[in-house]
Structure formats: structure tokens, C-alpha cells
């Protein structure tokens, strides 16, 4: 039976972070699923349109990737999601699969990064070991945010950090609750803030909304007379995140 894998990612217009994140994730998947044809799909229509307009570069959306799998006569298909949560983008993938499931003998899909209690415990334990706790200092992670109900993962993650003894790790989003204005009162007592993107890639939002010189997380905190530093490191650069993505792939459920 001919096997295939579609790696479904949000996407990015920034080559530097793509090479460190999405490309590395896909390379790990190629090394793991050596007997499969590996295909890519990016779910962000906005990003795909920008790349087409700027560079005449076409990247498949999920439906186009499914069509390509059919043309390649793939019978056993695995979908690996690199999305943070089971939100709008991840559901695009699920909806497309539902329309194409009868075209394959078998089709499976792995969970998004943070869905189960075990996922939260794993990520928190790993980040706890990376972010050193120091008096007067705190960490602010920048999430994307969404209007989807799954956006609650950010509050859950913050609460889990507190339960884990890390009440110095906060989360604010660019396009969903909690916004940075919601967490500023809690950050007022700290002298130093460390900023990191809580996104697979460190692209536009990380470079501009988090660390930019105009109306960013960094400048808002600097206006509060805080010492601010940041790292432009997407979650996809971490081995432990890529291991979790592969674990979800290994546990993928059959689509019925």
C-alpha cells in the first residue's frame, strides 16, 4: 500500500524562521517516515497569497495537498499538524479531510500541539527547565490568539504554570485574549521582562508585534521603565516540541 504524509502548517513569509522551524520539522518527519511520500500544506491563505504576489511562489493549501496525494496514488495517508491548538487553522484541515476521506483506503490525523493534559504537562516541564527563575524578573510569552473557543488554552497554560510553581511566566496574545493590556497590571512589580514567541515560527508577529520598535510588547514595557530583552526563537526550533509533534503523529487517529 502506497503511503503518504501531509505536514500541515500555518506558514510564514520569513525564510529565516522557516528554515529553522517548518523545514526542520519536515526533515524530522522525512527521517521518521522514510517509506512515505512527504507533502506540505500551509493553511494561512494570507501568507500563501503574499508569497504568490511577491515571489510568484505557490504553496499548496490542504485541499491542493490532498489532490496531489490522490494524483500520486497514495492509499494510506497520515496528516501531521504543526498548529499550536485545535482552532480555526487546524479545523480547516479537519474539514478538508472530511470531504476527501473516501478517496483513500486509510487516513489518519494527529492532534495539534496542545490538546491533552499530558501535552500541557510536557510543554510546561520543558519550558520550566529553559526559563530560569530569578527574583524581580518574569517571562512574557506571545501567542497568536484567536476568536475560536480553543483560545482558552492560553489561560489554561498560564494557570498550569502557576500550579507548577512558575507564577513568573505570563502569556499575552496579538489577536485574542489575553491581550498585553490584560497582563500589564501583573507585570508592574517586575524590573526585568524576557519576551519569547509562543508560536511555531518567529515571523512577523514575533519580529514586529513582540520585539519591534513601534507599538510592540517591547516598547510598551519599556515605556513602563522595564528592562526588556527578547529572543526570536520559534517553538519549532526546540527538539522537545518536534518530538511532541512526532508523538502525536504516532498516535494519530483514523478518520471515520
Protein backbone atom coordinates (compact mmCIF):
# COMPACT_ATOMS: atom_id res chain seq x y z
CA UNK A 1 0.00 0.00 0.00
CA UNK A 2 1.42 3.37 -1.05
CA UNK A 3 1.90 5.62 1.99
CA UNK A 4 1.99 9.40 2.25
CA UNK A 5 2.24 12.16 4.83
CA UNK A 6 0.90 15.72 4.61
CA UNK A 7 2.54 18.15 7.02
CA UNK A 8 0.00 20.90 7.71
CA UNK A 9 1.45 24.18 8.98
CA UNK A 10 0.21 27.74 9.33
CA UNK A 11 3.12 29.04 7.24
CA UNK A 12 5.35 32.11 7.22
CA UNK A 13 6.66 34.73 4.80
CA UNK A 14 10.04 34.82 6.59
CA UNK A 15 12.63 32.46 5.10
CA UNK A 16 14.96 32.73 8.10
CA UNK A 17 12.49 31.31 10.61
CA UNK A 18 11.01 28.84 8.08
CA UNK A 19 14.42 27.24 7.62
CA UNK A 20 14.80 26.87 11.41
CA UNK A 21 11.28 25.63 12.10
CA UNK A 22 8.96 24.29 9.39
CA UNK A 23 11.82 22.95 7.28
CA UNK A 24 13.41 21.23 10.28
CA UNK A 25 10.07 19.75 11.37
CA UNK A 26 9.51 18.38 7.86
CA UNK A 27 13.04 17.00 7.75
CA UNK A 28 12.46 15.16 11.05
CA UNK A 29 9.24 13.74 9.59
CA UNK A 30 11.05 12.61 6.42
CA UNK A 31 13.63 10.81 8.55
CA UNK A 32 10.88 9.15 10.60
CA UNK A 33 8.54 8.17 7.76
CA UNK A 34 11.12 7.01 5.24
CA UNK A 35 8.68 4.74 3.42
CA UNK A 36 6.21 7.59 2.81
CA UNK A 37 5.88 10.39 0.27
CA UNK A 38 6.07 13.67 2.23
CA UNK A 39 3.85 16.58 1.10
CA UNK A 40 3.37 20.07 2.56
CA UNK A 41 0.30 22.24 3.09
CA UNK A 42 0.06 25.72 4.57
CA UNK A 43 -3.31 26.76 5.94
CA UNK A 44 -2.89 30.55 6.02
CA UNK A 45 -4.45 31.95 2.86
CA UNK A 46 -2.99 35.36 3.65
CA UNK A 47 0.57 34.07 3.81
CA UNK A 48 0.17 31.94 0.70
CA UNK A 49 -1.23 34.96 -1.21
CA UNK A 50 1.68 37.17 -0.11
CA UNK A 51 4.25 34.64 -1.29
CA UNK A 52 2.44 34.28 -4.62
CA UNK A 53 2.31 38.05 -5.14
CA UNK A 54 5.88 38.81 -4.02
CA UNK A 55 7.79 35.86 -5.46
CA UNK A 56 5.29 34.03 -7.68
CA UNK A 57 5.77 31.16 -5.24
CA UNK A 58 2.86 28.73 -4.92
CA UNK A 59 2.45 26.61 -1.79
CA UNK A 60 -0.39 24.13 -1.59
CA UNK A 61 -3.29 24.63 0.76
CA UNK A 62 -4.66 21.50 2.41
CA UNK A 63 -7.14 20.70 -0.38
CA UNK A 64 -4.45 21.03 -3.03
CA UNK A 65 -2.16 18.76 -0.99
CA UNK A 66 -4.94 16.17 -0.75
CA UNK A 67 -5.45 16.38 -4.52
CA UNK A 68 -1.72 15.88 -5.04
CA UNK A 69 -1.83 12.81 -2.79
CA UNK A 70 -4.63 11.39 -4.93
CA UNK A 71 -2.66 12.03 -8.14
CA UNK A 72 0.33 10.24 -6.59
CA UNK A 73 -1.97 7.29 -5.89
CA UNK A 74 -1.35 7.39 -2.16
CA UNK A 75 -3.69 4.99 -0.37
CA UNK A 76 -2.61 5.26 3.28
CA UNK A 77 -2.42 8.94 4.28
CA UNK A 78 -1.23 10.49 7.54
CA UNK A 79 -1.87 14.17 8.30
CA UNK A 80 0.58 15.74 10.76
CA UNK A 81 -0.48 19.08 12.24
CA UNK A 82 2.05 21.63 13.49
CA UNK A 83 -0.65 24.01 14.77
CA UNK A 84 -0.49 25.09 18.40
CA UNK A 85 -4.17 24.45 19.13
CA UNK A 86 -7.22 22.81 17.64
CA UNK A 87 -8.57 26.14 16.40
CA UNK A 88 -9.54 27.79 13.13
CA UNK A 89 -6.49 26.69 11.13
CA UNK A 90 -6.46 23.13 12.43
CA UNK A 91 -10.16 22.82 11.73
CA UNK A 92 -9.56 23.84 8.09
CA UNK A 93 -7.53 20.66 7.84
CA UNK A 94 -10.19 18.52 9.53
CA UNK A 95 -12.95 19.90 7.29
CA UNK A 96 -10.92 19.19 4.16
CA UNK A 97 -10.15 15.64 5.29
CA UNK A 98 -13.86 15.01 5.88
CA UNK A 99 -14.50 15.84 2.22
CA UNK A 100 -11.69 13.63 0.92
CA UNK A 101 -11.69 10.67 3.31
CA UNK A 102 -13.43 8.37 0.81
CA UNK A 103 -10.61 8.95 -1.68
CA UNK A 104 -8.13 6.96 0.45
CA UNK A 105 -8.09 3.44 1.84
CA UNK A 106 -6.91 4.78 5.19
CA UNK A 107 -6.49 8.31 6.51
CA UNK A 108 -5.27 9.42 9.93
CA UNK A 109 -4.62 12.78 11.59
CA UNK A 110 -2.53 13.67 14.63
CA UNK A 111 -3.52 16.18 17.30
CA UNK A 112 -2.44 19.81 17.42
CA UNK A 113 0.41 20.64 19.81
CA UNK A 114 -1.68 21.41 22.91
CA UNK A 115 -4.83 19.33 23.29
CA UNK A 116 -4.45 16.88 26.17
CA UNK A 117 -3.47 17.31 29.82
CA UNK A 118 -0.37 15.29 29.01
CA UNK A 119 0.59 17.84 26.31
CA UNK A 120 0.32 20.73 28.79
CA UNK A 121 2.36 18.89 31.44
CA UNK A 122 5.07 18.05 28.93
CA UNK A 123 5.41 21.57 27.50
CA UNK A 124 5.36 23.22 30.93
CA UNK A 125 8.03 20.88 32.27
CA UNK A 126 10.27 21.60 29.28
CA UNK A 127 9.82 25.39 29.41
CA UNK A 128 10.35 25.39 33.18
CA UNK A 129 13.79 23.91 32.58
CA UNK A 130 14.60 26.57 29.96
CA UNK A 131 13.32 29.72 31.68
CA UNK A 132 15.44 30.37 34.76
CA UNK A 133 13.56 31.80 37.73
CA UNK A 134 15.11 34.99 39.14
CA UNK A 135 13.83 37.48 41.68
CA UNK A 136 12.37 40.61 40.08
CA UNK A 137 12.25 39.02 36.63
CA UNK A 138 9.39 37.49 34.62
CA UNK A 139 8.76 35.92 31.23
CA UNK A 140 6.09 37.05 28.80
CA UNK A 141 5.24 34.61 26.04
CA UNK A 142 3.48 35.95 22.97
CA UNK A 143 0.75 33.77 21.49
CA UNK A 144 -1.13 34.41 18.27
CA UNK A 145 -4.65 34.33 19.70
CA UNK A 146 -7.97 33.68 18.04
CA UNK A 147 -11.70 34.18 18.36
CA UNK A 148 -12.13 30.39 18.35
CA UNK A 149 -13.19 28.73 21.61
CA UNK A 150 -9.88 26.85 21.69
CA UNK A 151 -8.20 30.17 22.51
CA UNK A 152 -8.80 29.21 26.16
CA UNK A 153 -5.58 27.17 26.01
CA UNK A 154 -3.60 30.34 26.78
CA UNK A 155 -5.39 30.88 30.08
CA UNK A 156 -5.11 27.18 30.85
CA UNK A 157 -1.40 27.27 30.12
CA UNK A 158 -0.89 30.28 32.40
CA UNK A 159 -2.83 28.58 35.20
CA UNK A 160 -0.80 25.40 34.76
CA UNK A 161 2.43 27.39 35.02
CA UNK A 162 1.21 28.85 38.32
CA UNK A 163 0.26 25.39 39.61
CA UNK A 164 3.74 24.24 38.61
CA UNK A 165 5.26 26.99 40.78
CA UNK A 166 6.05 29.36 37.92
CA UNK A 167 3.83 32.37 38.51
CA UNK A 168 6.56 34.44 36.81
CA UNK A 169 5.60 33.11 33.36
CA UNK A 170 2.80 35.05 31.65
CA UNK A 171 1.10 34.85 28.26
CA UNK A 172 -0.39 37.61 26.07
CA UNK A 173 -1.76 37.32 22.55
CA UNK A 174 -1.74 39.52 19.48
CA UNK A 175 -5.19 38.63 18.16
CA UNK A 176 -7.09 37.24 21.15
CA UNK A 177 -7.49 37.22 24.92
CA UNK A 178 -5.47 37.76 26.99
CA UNK A 179 -4.10 40.87 25.29
CA UNK A 180 -1.00 42.54 26.68
CA UNK A 181 -3.20 45.19 28.32
CA UNK A 182 -4.80 42.40 30.35
CA UNK A 183 -1.50 41.29 31.88
CA UNK A 184 0.27 44.65 32.34
CA UNK A 185 -1.04 45.12 35.92
CA UNK A 186 0.50 41.77 36.89
CA UNK A 187 3.83 42.71 35.29
CA UNK A 188 4.16 46.06 37.09
CA UNK A 189 6.06 44.59 40.05
CA UNK A 190 8.87 43.14 37.93
CA UNK A 191 12.03 45.03 36.97
CA UNK A 192 13.00 42.84 34.02
CA UNK A 193 10.84 41.14 31.39
CA UNK A 194 12.02 38.44 28.98
CA UNK A 195 9.94 38.11 25.80
CA UNK A 196 9.57 34.95 23.72
CA UNK A 197 7.16 33.92 20.95
CA UNK A 198 4.82 31.06 21.79
CA UNK A 199 4.42 30.22 18.11
CA UNK A 200 5.91 27.54 15.89
CA UNK A 201 7.69 30.21 13.82
CA UNK A 202 9.18 33.55 14.85
CA UNK A 203 7.86 35.61 11.94
CA UNK A 204 6.01 38.91 11.55
CA UNK A 205 4.30 38.86 14.93
CA UNK A 206 7.48 37.99 16.81
CA UNK A 207 9.67 40.49 14.96
CA UNK A 208 7.21 43.38 14.89
CA UNK A 209 4.38 42.96 17.42
CA UNK A 210 6.61 41.49 20.09
CA UNK A 211 10.10 42.90 19.53
CA UNK A 212 9.59 45.81 17.11
CA UNK A 213 10.38 49.46 17.79
CA UNK A 214 6.82 50.75 17.30
CA UNK A 215 3.84 49.90 19.50
CA UNK A 216 5.16 46.44 20.38
CA UNK A 217 5.23 44.39 23.57
CA UNK A 218 8.83 45.58 23.97
CA UNK A 219 8.11 49.30 23.64
CA UNK A 220 5.00 49.13 25.84
CA UNK A 221 7.06 47.56 28.63
CA UNK A 222 9.97 49.93 28.07
CA UNK A 223 7.54 52.83 28.47
CA UNK A 224 6.82 51.37 31.93
CA UNK A 225 10.56 51.70 32.64
CA UNK A 226 11.14 47.96 32.50
CA UNK A 227 14.34 46.28 31.41
CA UNK A 228 13.32 44.22 28.39
CA UNK A 229 15.08 41.58 26.37
CA UNK A 230 13.77 39.08 23.84
CA UNK A 231 14.61 36.04 21.77
CA UNK A 232 13.32 35.41 18.26
CA UNK A 233 13.11 31.64 18.58
CA UNK A 234 10.03 29.84 17.33
CA UNK A 235 8.78 26.75 19.16
CA UNK A 236 9.64 24.70 16.09
CA UNK A 237 13.33 25.25 16.84
CA UNK A 238 13.09 23.20 20.02
CA UNK A 239 13.76 19.46 19.86
CA UNK A 240 11.16 18.77 22.54
CA UNK A 241 8.41 20.46 20.50
CA UNK A 242 9.30 18.47 17.40
CA UNK A 243 9.30 15.29 19.49
CA UNK A 244 5.75 16.08 20.65
CA UNK A 245 4.62 16.64 17.05
CA UNK A 246 6.05 13.24 16.10
CA UNK A 247 4.43 11.64 19.15
CA UNK A 248 1.05 12.98 18.04
CA UNK A 249 1.71 11.64 14.56
CA UNK A 250 2.47 8.21 16.00
CA UNK A 251 -0.80 8.34 17.97
CA UNK A 252 -2.86 9.64 15.04
CA UNK A 253 -6.49 8.56 14.94
CA UNK A 254 -8.23 7.10 11.91
CA UNK A 255 -10.78 9.42 10.34
CA UNK A 256 -14.18 7.76 10.07
